[in-house]
Amino acid sequence: EYRYPRGESYMDVIKRVEQAVLCIEALQDPVVVVAHQAVLRIVYCYFMMRDKNKAPKVSIPLNTVIKLVPRNHGCEEARFVLVNKENKEDSNNAPSH
């Protein structure tokens, strides 16, 4: 089980965000989740019905919005890149960090 140096393991993150994920699942309205990549990987795996043990390897790229739309079995996914290599040097599109 992977653990970040002096930090949480993915199982720790699962336990910490489990209640929030269940609340999100019960909502009928759209939800935006802004979080660290580890949390986003867990939320993504849950809604995409993926093995939680593979969460550390799930691709959650920076500067990308991932839209998940619930379906009968899992979710439909669409990714929207906000900053890519072509426009990264344009100061109007640069991330704030």
PDB file of N, CA and C in Angstrom:
ATOM      1  N   GLU A   1       0.841  -1.179   0.000  1.00  0.00           N
ATOM      2  CA  GLU A   1       0.000   0.000   0.000  1.00  0.00           C
ATOM      3  C   GLU A   1       0.887   1.243   0.000  1.00  0.00           C
ATOM      4  N   TYR A   2       0.711   2.069  -1.013  1.00  0.00           N
ATOM      5  CA  TYR A   2       1.536   3.263  -1.156  1.00  0.00           C
ATOM      6  C   TYR A   2       1.145   4.312  -0.116  1.00  0.00           C
ATOM      7  N   ARG A   3       2.151   4.945   0.466  1.00  0.00           N
ATOM      8  CA  ARG A   3       1.940   6.045   1.403  1.00  0.00           C
ATOM      9  C   ARG A   3       2.862   7.184   1.001  1.00  0.00           C
ATOM     10  N   TYR A   4       2.287   8.391   0.879  1.00  0.00           N
ATOM     11  CA  TYR A   4       3.123   9.548   0.593  1.00  0.00           C
ATOM     12  C   TYR A   4       4.082   9.763   1.763  1.00  0.00           C
ATOM     13  N   PRO A   5       5.307  10.223   1.489  1.00  0.00           N
ATOM     14  CA  PRO A   5       6.263  10.464   2.575  1.00  0.00           C
ATOM     15  C   PRO A   5       5.647  11.371   3.644  1.00  0.00           C
ATOM     16  N   ARG A   6       5.644  10.893   4.876  1.00  0.00           N
ATOM     17  CA  ARG A   6       5.081  11.610   6.029  1.00  0.00           C
ATOM     18  C   ARG A   6       3.620  12.002   5.801  1.00  0.00           C
ATOM     19  N   GLY A   7       2.898  11.205   5.019  1.00  0.00           N
ATOM     20  CA  GLY A   7       1.516  11.543   4.703  1.00  0.00           C
ATOM     21  C   GLY A   7       0.597  10.354   4.757  1.00  0.00           C
ATOM     22  N   GLU A   8      -0.506  10.478   4.034  1.00  0.00           N
ATOM     23  CA  GLU A   8      -1.548   9.461   4.024  1.00  0.00           C
ATOM     24  C   GLU A   8      -1.295   8.383   2.982  1.00  0.00           C
ATOM     25  N   SER A   9      -1.818   7.203   3.266  1.00  0.00           N
ATOM     26  CA  SER A   9      -1.874   6.159   2.248  1.00  0.00           C
ATOM     27  C   SER A   9      -3.184   6.347   1.484  1.00  0.00           C
ATOM     28  N   TYR A  10      -3.347   5.634   0.384  1.00  0.00           N
ATOM     29  CA  TYR A  10      -4.608   5.723  -0.351  1.00  0.00           C
ATOM     30  C   TYR A  10      -5.760   5.166   0.471  1.00  0.00           C
ATOM     31  N   MET A  11      -5.502   4.168   1.318  1.00  0.00           N
ATOM     32  CA  MET A  11      -6.564   3.648   2.181  1.00  0.00           C
ATOM     33  C   MET A  11      -6.983   4.707   3.200  1.00  0.00           C
ATOM     34  N   ASP A  12      -6.031   5.506   3.692  1.00  0.00           N
ATOM     35  CA  ASP A  12      -6.365   6.612   4.596  1.00  0.00           C
ATOM     36  C   ASP A  12      -7.260   7.625   3.875  1.00  0.00           C
ATOM     37  N   VAL A  13      -6.925   7.933   2.633  1.00  0.00           N
ATOM     38  CA  VAL A  13      -7.710   8.899   1.848  1.00  0.00           C
ATOM     39  C   VAL A  13      -9.112   8.357   1.615  1.00  0.00           C
ATOM     40  N   ILE A  14      -9.223   7.088   1.284  1.00  0.00           N
ATOM     41  CA  ILE A  14     -10.542   6.466   1.065  1.00  0.00           C
ATOM     42  C   ILE A  14     -11.405   6.624   2.305  1.00  0.00           C
ATOM     43  N   LYS A  15     -10.850   6.315   3.451  1.00  0.00           N
ATOM     44  CA  LYS A  15     -11.612   6.439   4.707  1.00  0.00           C
ATOM     45  C   LYS A  15     -12.018   7.888   4.957  1.00  0.00           C
ATOM     46  N   ARG A  16     -11.123   8.822   4.624  1.00  0.00           N
ATOM     47  CA  ARG A  16     -11.387  10.236   4.891  1.00  0.00           C
ATOM     48  C   ARG A  16     -12.461  10.811   3.966  1.00  0.00           C
ATOM     49  N   VAL A  17     -12.510  10.391   2.706  1.00  0.00           N
ATOM     50  CA  VAL A  17     -13.453  10.996   1.747  1.00  0.00           C
ATOM     51  C   VAL A  17     -14.690  10.141   1.477  1.00  0.00           C
ATOM     52  N   GLU A  18     -14.769   8.971   2.087  1.00  0.00           N
ATOM     53  CA  GLU A  18     -15.875   8.054   1.816  1.00  0.00           C
ATOM     54  C   GLU A  18     -17.247   8.696   2.009  1.00  0.00           C
ATOM     55  N   GLN A  19     -17.462   9.373   3.117  1.00  0.00           N
ATOM     56  CA  GLN A  19     -18.768   9.977   3.397  1.00  0.00           C
ATOM     57  C   GLN A  19     -19.098  11.068   2.377  1.00  0.00           C
ATOM     58  N   ALA A  20     -18.097  11.850   1.991  1.00  0.00           N
ATOM     59  CA  ALA A  20     -18.323  12.901   0.988  1.00  0.00           C
ATOM     60  C   ALA A  20     -18.718  12.294  -0.352  1.00  0.00           C
ATOM     61  N   VAL A  21     -18.069  11.203  -0.742  1.00  0.00           N
ATOM     62  CA  VAL A  21     -18.382  10.544  -2.011  1.00  0.00           C
ATOM     63  C   VAL A  21     -19.818  10.007  -1.994  1.00  0.00           C
ATOM     64  N   LEU A  22     -20.230   9.437  -0.880  1.00  0.00           N
ATOM     65  CA  LEU A  22     -21.601   8.931  -0.776  1.00  0.00           C
ATOM     66  C   LEU A  22     -22.617  10.070  -0.861  1.00  0.00           C
ATOM     67  N   CYS A  23     -22.285  11.209  -0.276  1.00  0.00           N
ATOM     68  CA  CYS A  23     -23.173  12.385  -0.377  1.00  0.00           C
ATOM     69  C   CYS A  23     -23.253  12.885  -1.810  1.00  0.00           C
ATOM     70  N   ILE A  24     -22.118  12.931  -2.487  1.00  0.00           N
ATOM     71  CA  ILE A  24     -22.088  13.359  -3.894  1.00  0.00           C
ATOM     72  C   ILE A  24     -22.945  12.431  -4.746  1.00  0.00           C
ATOM     73  N   GLU A  25     -22.817  11.150  -4.494  1.00  0.00           N
ATOM     74  CA  GLU A  25     -23.567  10.159  -5.274  1.00  0.00           C
ATOM     75  C   GLU A  25     -25.082  10.337  -5.121  1.00  0.00           C
ATOM     76  N   ALA A  26     -25.513  10.791  -3.959  1.00  0.00           N
ATOM     77  CA  ALA A  26     -26.946  10.939  -3.699  1.00  0.00           C
ATOM     78  C   ALA A  26     -27.537  12.206  -4.319  1.00  0.00           C
ATOM     79  N   LEU A  27     -26.696  13.149  -4.712  1.00  0.00           N
ATOM     80  CA  LEU A  27     -27.184  14.413  -5.259  1.00  0.00           C
ATOM     81  C   LEU A  27     -27.722  14.242  -6.677  1.00  0.00           C
ATOM     82  N   GLN A  28     -28.689  15.073  -7.001  1.00  0.00           N
ATOM     83  CA  GLN A  28     -29.257  15.087  -8.350  1.00  0.00           C
ATOM     84  C   GLN A  28     -28.656  16.208  -9.203  1.00  0.00           C
ATOM     85  N   ASP A  29     -28.114  17.219  -8.546  1.00  0.00           N
ATOM     86  CA  ASP A  29     -27.550  18.370  -9.233  1.00  0.00           C
ATOM     87  C   ASP A  29     -26.086  18.121  -9.592  1.00  0.00           C
ATOM     88  N   PRO A  30     -25.572  18.844 -10.600  1.00  0.00           N
ATOM     89  CA  PRO A  30     -24.148  18.729 -10.941  1.00  0.00           C
ATOM     90  C   PRO A  30     -23.276  19.153  -9.757  1.00  0.00           C
ATOM     91  N   VAL A  31     -22.107  18.550  -9.663  1.00  0.00           N
ATOM     92  CA  VAL A  31     -21.168  18.806  -8.576  1.00  0.00           C
ATOM     93  C   VAL A  31     -19.790  19.045  -9.178  1.00  0.00           C
ATOM     94  N   VAL A  32     -19.060  20.001  -8.627  1.00  0.00           N
ATOM     95  CA  VAL A  32     -17.674  20.233  -9.018  1.00  0.00           C
ATOM     96  C   VAL A  32     -16.807  19.867  -7.823  1.00  0.00           C
ATOM     97  N   VAL A  33     -15.819  19.011  -8.054  1.00  0.00           N
ATOM     98  CA  VAL A  33     -14.892  18.608  -6.994  1.00  0.00           C
ATOM     99  C   VAL A  33     -13.523  19.175  -7.338  1.00  0.00           C
ATOM    100  N   VAL A  34     -12.996  20.002  -6.451  1.00  0.00           N
ATOM    101  CA  VAL A  34     -11.655  20.553  -6.597  1.00  0.00           C
ATOM    102  C   VAL A  34     -10.860  20.019  -5.423  1.00  0.00           C
ATOM    103  N   ALA A  35      -9.804  19.250  -5.715  1.00  0.00           N
ATOM    104  CA  ALA A  35      -9.053  18.604  -4.640  1.00  0.00           C
ATOM    105  C   ALA A  35      -7.659  18.226  -5.125  1.00  0.00           C
ATOM    106  N   HIS A  36      -6.867  17.711  -4.206  1.00  0.00           N
ATOM    107  CA  HIS A  36      -5.552  17.188  -4.558  1.00  0.00           C
ATOM    108  C   HIS A  36      -5.727  15.952  -5.431  1.00  0.00           C
ATOM    109  N   GLN A  37      -4.695  15.621  -6.181  1.00  0.00           N
ATOM    110  CA  GLN A  37      -4.784  14.495  -7.123  1.00  0.00           C
ATOM    111  C   GLN A  37      -5.108  13.173  -6.444  1.00  0.00           C
ATOM    112  N   ALA A  38      -4.574  12.914  -5.264  1.00  0.00           N
ATOM    113  CA  ALA A  38      -4.868  11.644  -4.580  1.00  0.00           C
ATOM    114  C   ALA A  38      -6.366  11.510  -4.311  1.00  0.00           C
ATOM    115  N   VAL A  39      -6.978  12.585  -3.830  1.00  0.00           N
ATOM    116  CA  VAL A  39      -8.422  12.572  -3.568  1.00  0.00           C
ATOM    117  C   VAL A  39      -9.186  12.399  -4.879  1.00  0.00           C
ATOM    118  N   LEU A  40      -8.770  13.126  -5.918  1.00  0.00           N
ATOM    119  CA  LEU A  40      -9.451  13.015  -7.210  1.00  0.00           C
ATOM    120  C   LEU A  40      -9.338  11.606  -7.783  1.00  0.00           C
ATOM    121  N   ARG A  41      -8.204  10.950  -7.581  1.00  0.00           N
ATOM    122  CA  ARG A  41      -8.051   9.567  -8.065  1.00  0.00           C
ATOM    123  C   ARG A  41      -9.045   8.634  -7.372  1.00  0.00           C
ATOM    124  N   ILE A  42      -9.222   8.807  -6.074  1.00  0.00           N
ATOM    125  CA  ILE A  42     -10.162   7.962  -5.323  1.00  0.00           C
ATOM    126  C   ILE A  42     -11.588   8.220  -5.791  1.00  0.00           C
ATOM    127  N   VAL A  43     -11.969   9.483  -5.917  1.00  0.00           N
ATOM    128  CA  VAL A  43     -13.317   9.828  -6.367  1.00  0.00           C
ATOM    129  C   VAL A  43     -13.547   9.289  -7.785  1.00  0.00           C
ATOM    130  N   TYR A  44     -12.554   9.458  -8.652  1.00  0.00           N
ATOM    131  CA  TYR A  44     -12.643   8.971 -10.026  1.00  0.00           C
ATOM    132  C   TYR A  44     -12.832   7.448 -10.054  1.00  0.00           C
ATOM    133  N   CYS A  45     -12.017   6.723  -9.314  1.00  0.00           N
ATOM    134  CA  CYS A  45     -12.123   5.253  -9.295  1.00  0.00           C
ATOM    135  C   CYS A  45     -13.484   4.802  -8.784  1.00  0.00           C
ATOM    136  N   TYR A  46     -13.997   5.472  -7.784  1.00  0.00           N
ATOM    137  CA  TYR A  46     -15.302   5.099  -7.244  1.00  0.00           C
ATOM    138  C   TYR A  46     -16.386   5.232  -8.317  1.00  0.00           C
ATOM    139  N   PHE A  47     -16.447   6.403  -8.940  1.00  0.00           N
ATOM    140  CA  PHE A  47     -17.523   6.643  -9.911  1.00  0.00           C
ATOM    141  C   PHE A  47     -17.324   5.899 -11.231  1.00  0.00           C
ATOM    142  N   MET A  48     -16.088   5.569 -11.566  1.00  0.00           N
ATOM    143  CA  MET A  48     -15.824   4.816 -12.797  1.00  0.00           C
ATOM    144  C   MET A  48     -15.792   3.307 -12.541  1.00  0.00           C
ATOM    145  N   MET A  49     -16.084   2.905 -11.307  1.00  0.00           N
ATOM    146  CA  MET A  49     -16.154   1.490 -10.909  1.00  0.00           C
ATOM    147  C   MET A  49     -14.827   0.774 -11.164  1.00  0.00           C
ATOM    148  N   ARG A  50     -13.740   1.432 -10.804  1.00  0.00           N
ATOM    149  CA  ARG A  50     -12.405   0.853 -10.961  1.00  0.00           C
ATOM    150  C   ARG A  50     -11.886   0.370  -9.618  1.00  0.00           C
ATOM    151  N   ASP A  51     -10.957  -0.547  -9.677  1.00  0.00           N
ATOM    152  CA  ASP A  51     -10.349  -1.117  -8.478  1.00  0.00           C
ATOM    153  C   ASP A  51      -9.626  -0.020  -7.698  1.00  0.00           C
ATOM    154  N   LYS A  52      -9.996   0.157  -6.426  1.00  0.00           N
ATOM    155  CA  LYS A  52      -9.388   1.210  -5.609  1.00  0.00           C
ATOM    156  C   LYS A  52      -7.894   0.993  -5.406  1.00  0.00           C
ATOM    157  N   ASN A  53      -7.434  -0.243  -5.529  1.00  0.00           N
ATOM    158  CA  ASN A  53      -6.006  -0.529  -5.378  1.00  0.00           C
ATOM    159  C   ASN A  53      -5.183   0.006  -6.551  1.00  0.00           C
ATOM    160  N   LYS A  54      -5.856   0.314  -7.663  1.00  0.00           N
ATOM    161  CA  LYS A  54      -5.159   0.864  -8.829  1.00  0.00           C
ATOM    162  C   LYS A  54      -5.211   2.386  -8.863  1.00  0.00           C
ATOM    163  N   ALA A  55      -5.835   2.993  -7.857  1.00  0.00           N
ATOM    164  CA  ALA A  55      -5.991   4.453  -7.813  1.00  0.00           C
ATOM    165  C   ALA A  55      -4.675   5.216  -7.918  1.00  0.00           C
ATOM    166  N   PRO A  56      -3.589   4.759  -7.282  1.00  0.00           N
ATOM    167  CA  PRO A  56      -2.340   5.531  -7.386  1.00  0.00           C
ATOM    168  C   PRO A  56      -1.824   5.694  -8.812  1.00  0.00           C
ATOM    169  N   LYS A  57      -2.236   4.839  -9.720  1.00  0.00           N
ATOM    170  CA  LYS A  57      -1.748   4.886 -11.101  1.00  0.00           C
ATOM    171  C   LYS A  57      -2.717   5.558 -12.067  1.00  0.00           C
ATOM    172  N   VAL A  58      -3.888   5.996 -11.589  1.00  0.00           N
ATOM    173  CA  VAL A  58      -4.888   6.616 -12.451  1.00  0.00           C
ATOM    174  C   VAL A  58      -4.399   7.994 -12.891  1.00  0.00           C
ATOM    175  N   SER A  59      -4.554   8.289 -14.169  1.00  0.00           N
ATOM    176  CA  SER A  59      -4.112   9.569 -14.724  1.00  0.00           C
ATOM    177  C   SER A  59      -5.137  10.669 -14.427  1.00  0.00           C
ATOM    178  N   ILE A  60      -4.704  11.624 -13.621  1.00  0.00           N
ATOM    179  CA  ILE A  60      -5.500  12.816 -13.347  1.00  0.00           C
ATOM    180  C   ILE A  60      -4.592  14.000 -13.697  1.00  0.00           C
ATOM    181  N   PRO A  61      -4.593  14.410 -14.950  1.00  0.00           N
ATOM    182  CA  PRO A  61      -3.664  15.460 -15.387  1.00  0.00           C
ATOM    183  C   PRO A  61      -4.014  16.834 -14.804  1.00  0.00           C
ATOM    184  N   LEU A  62      -2.978  17.632 -14.615  1.00  0.00           N
ATOM    185  CA  LEU A  62      -3.172  19.009 -14.167  1.00  0.00           C
ATOM    186  C   LEU A  62      -3.852  19.806 -15.275  1.00  0.00           C
ATOM    187  N   ASN A  63      -4.510  20.880 -14.888  1.00  0.00           N
ATOM    188  CA  ASN A  63      -5.131  21.807 -15.840  1.00  0.00           C
ATOM    189  C   ASN A  63      -6.163  21.143 -16.743  1.00  0.00           C
ATOM    190  N   THR A  64      -6.841  20.147 -16.205  1.00  0.00           N
ATOM    191  CA  THR A  64      -7.840  19.406 -16.975  1.00  0.00           C
ATOM    192  C   THR A  64      -9.098  19.221 -16.143  1.00  0.00           C
ATOM    193  N   VAL A  65     -10.246  19.479 -16.752  1.00  0.00           N
ATOM    194  CA  VAL A  65     -11.531  19.208 -16.114  1.00  0.00           C
ATOM    195  C   VAL A  65     -12.001  17.851 -16.612  1.00  0.00           C
ATOM    196  N   ILE A  66     -12.360  16.982 -15.691  1.00  0.00           N
ATOM    197  CA  ILE A  66     -12.896  15.662 -16.046  1.00  0.00           C
ATOM    198  C   ILE A  66     -14.379  15.666 -15.690  1.00  0.00           C
ATOM    199  N   LYS A  67     -15.202  15.512 -16.705  1.00  0.00           N
ATOM    200  CA  LYS A  67     -16.652  15.497 -16.519  1.00  0.00           C
ATOM    201  C   LYS A  67     -17.128  14.047 -16.512  1.00  0.00           C
ATOM    202  N   LEU A  68     -17.810  13.661 -15.445  1.00  0.00           N
ATOM    203  CA  LEU A  68     -18.380  12.319 -15.337  1.00  0.00           C
ATOM    204  C   LEU A  68     -19.896  12.448 -15.298  1.00  0.00           C
ATOM    205  N   VAL A  69     -20.552  11.727 -16.188  1.00  0.00           N
ATOM    206  CA  VAL A  69     -22.012  11.721 -16.245  1.00  0.00           C
ATOM    207  C   VAL A  69     -22.481  10.311 -15.913  1.00  0.00           C
ATOM    208  N   PRO A  70     -23.266  10.159 -14.831  1.00  0.00           N
ATOM    209  CA  PRO A  70     -23.728   8.823 -14.429  1.00  0.00           C
ATOM    210  C   PRO A  70     -24.532   8.124 -15.528  1.00  0.00           C
ATOM    211  N   ARG A  71     -24.249   6.851 -15.691  1.00  0.00           N
ATOM    212  CA  ARG A  71     -24.974   5.976 -16.621  1.00  0.00           C
ATOM    213  C   ARG A  71     -25.369   4.708 -15.853  1.00  0.00           C
ATOM    214  N   ASN A  72     -25.994   3.767 -16.535  1.00  0.00           N
ATOM    215  CA  ASN A  72     -26.423   2.527 -15.871  1.00  0.00           C
ATOM    216  C   ASN A  72     -25.267   1.768 -15.228  1.00  0.00           C
ATOM    217  N   HIS A  73     -24.142   1.703 -15.903  1.00  0.00           N
ATOM    218  CA  HIS A  73     -22.964   0.989 -15.390  1.00  0.00           C
ATOM    219  C   HIS A  73     -21.768   1.918 -15.443  1.00  0.00           C
ATOM    220  N   GLY A  74     -21.520   2.628 -14.347  1.00  0.00           N
ATOM    221  CA  GLY A  74     -20.398   3.549 -14.311  1.00  0.00           C
ATOM    222  C   GLY A  74     -20.790   4.920 -14.813  1.00  0.00           C
ATOM    223  N   CYS A  75     -19.832   5.612 -15.386  1.00  0.00           N
ATOM    224  CA  CYS A  75     -20.062   6.982 -15.860  1.00  0.00           C
ATOM    225  C   CYS A  75     -19.487   7.182 -17.249  1.00  0.00           C
ATOM    226  N   GLU A  76     -20.090   8.107 -17.966  1.00  0.00           N
ATOM    227  CA  GLU A  76     -19.533   8.558 -19.240  1.00  0.00           C
ATOM    228  C   GLU A  76     -18.526   9.655 -18.895  1.00  0.00           C
ATOM    229  N   GLU A  77     -17.385   9.640 -19.567  1.00  0.00           N
ATOM    230  CA  GLU A  77     -16.308  10.572 -19.246  1.00  0.00           C
ATOM    231  C   GLU A  77     -15.975  11.480 -20.424  1.00  0.00           C
ATOM    232  N   ALA A  78     -15.701  12.748 -20.097  1.00  0.00           N
ATOM    233  CA  ALA A  78     -15.176  13.698 -21.075  1.00  0.00           C
ATOM    234  C   ALA A  78     -14.098  14.512 -20.369  1.00  0.00           C
ATOM    235  N   ARG A  79     -12.989  14.771 -21.071  1.00  0.00           N
ATOM    236  CA  ARG A  79     -11.894  15.559 -20.504  1.00  0.00           C
ATOM    237  C   ARG A  79     -11.713  16.834 -21.309  1.00  0.00           C
ATOM    238  N   PHE A  80     -11.540  17.936 -20.578  1.00  0.00           N
ATOM    239  CA  PHE A  80     -11.365  19.255 -21.185  1.00  0.00           C
ATOM    240  C   PHE A  80     -10.053  19.843 -20.683  1.00  0.00           C
ATOM    241  N   VAL A  81      -9.086  19.982 -21.576  1.00  0.00           N
ATOM    242  CA  VAL A  81      -7.774  20.525 -21.217  1.00  0.00           C
ATOM    243  C   VAL A  81      -7.874  22.045 -21.189  1.00  0.00           C
ATOM    244  N   LEU A  82      -7.538  22.638 -20.051  1.00  0.00           N
ATOM    245  CA  LEU A  82      -7.618  24.086 -19.895  1.00  0.00           C
ATOM    246  C   LEU A  82      -6.343  24.782 -20.357  1.00  0.00           C
ATOM    247  N   VAL A  83      -5.214  24.141 -20.126  1.00  0.00           N
ATOM    248  CA  VAL A  83      -3.917  24.680 -20.538  1.00  0.00           C
ATOM    249  C   VAL A  83      -3.166  23.549 -21.210  1.00  0.00           C
ATOM    250  N   ASN A  84      -2.821  23.734 -22.484  1.00  0.00           N
ATOM    251  CA  ASN A  84      -2.052  22.703 -23.169  1.00  0.00           C
ATOM    252  C   ASN A  84      -0.728  23.273 -23.647  1.00  0.00           C
ATOM    253  N   LYS A  85       0.096  22.464 -24.254  1.00  0.00           N
ATOM    254  CA  LYS A  85       1.436  22.877 -24.683  1.00  0.00           C
ATOM    255  C   LYS A  85       1.395  24.047 -25.653  1.00  0.00           C
ATOM    256  N   GLU A  86       0.401  24.093 -26.531  1.00  0.00           N
ATOM    257  CA  GLU A  86       0.336  25.147 -27.540  1.00  0.00           C
ATOM    258  C   GLU A  86       0.073  26.513 -26.932  1.00  0.00           C
ATOM    259  N   ASN A  87      -0.763  26.587 -25.884  1.00  0.00           N
ATOM    260  CA  ASN A  87      -1.092  27.897 -25.326  1.00  0.00           C
ATOM    261  C   ASN A  87      -0.517  28.122 -23.933  1.00  0.00           C
ATOM    262  N   LYS A  88       0.364  27.260 -23.472  1.00  0.00           N
ATOM    263  CA  LYS A  88       0.919  27.363 -22.126  1.00  0.00           C
ATOM    264  C   LYS A  88       1.731  28.647 -21.938  1.00  0.00           C
ATOM    265  N   GLU A  89       2.405  29.116 -22.990  1.00  0.00           N
ATOM    266  CA  GLU A  89       3.229  30.308 -22.870  1.00  0.00           C
ATOM    267  C   GLU A  89       2.403  31.597 -22.904  1.00  0.00           C
ATOM    268  N   ASP A  90       1.170  31.515 -23.287  1.00  0.00           N
ATOM    269  CA  ASP A  90       0.290  32.671 -23.307  1.00  0.00           C
ATOM    270  C   ASP A  90      -0.074  33.021 -21.856  1.00  0.00           C
ATOM    271  N   SER A  91       0.327  34.186 -21.387  1.00  0.00           N
ATOM    272  CA  SER A  91       0.142  34.551 -19.979  1.00  0.00           C
ATOM    273  C   SER A  91      -1.309  34.580 -19.555  1.00  0.00           C
ATOM    274  N   ASN A  92      -2.234  34.785 -20.487  1.00  0.00           N
ATOM    275  CA  ASN A  92      -3.643  34.798 -20.130  1.00  0.00           C
ATOM    276  C   ASN A  92      -4.158  33.408 -19.780  1.00  0.00           C
ATOM    277  N   ASN A  93      -3.476  32.360 -20.238  1.00  0.00           N
ATOM    278  CA  ASN A  93      -3.909  31.001 -19.987  1.00  0.00           C
ATOM    279  C   ASN A  93      -3.046  30.280 -18.965  1.00  0.00           C
ATOM    280  N   ALA A  94      -2.033  30.947 -18.428  1.00  0.00           N
ATOM    281  CA  ALA A  94      -1.114  30.296 -17.490  1.00  0.00           C
ATOM    282  C   ALA A  94      -1.809  30.030 -16.166  1.00  0.00           C
ATOM    283  N   PRO A  95      -1.513  28.884 -15.544  1.00  0.00           N
ATOM    284  CA  PRO A  95      -2.101  28.608 -14.228  1.00  0.00           C
ATOM    285  C   PRO A  95      -1.572  29.621 -13.213  1.00  0.00           C
ATOM    286  N   SER A  96      -2.317  29.824 -12.153  1.00  0.00           N
ATOM    287  CA  SER A  96      -1.974  30.841 -11.162  1.00  0.00           C
ATOM    288  C   SER A  96      -0.881  30.417 -10.197  1.00  0.00           C
ATOM    289  N   HIS A  97      -0.438  29.171 -10.221  1.00  0.00           N
ATOM    290  CA  HIS A  97       0.582  28.720  -9.259  1.00  0.00           C
ATOM    291  C   HIS A  97       1.967  28.692  -9.838  1.00  0.00           C
TER     292      HIS A  97
END
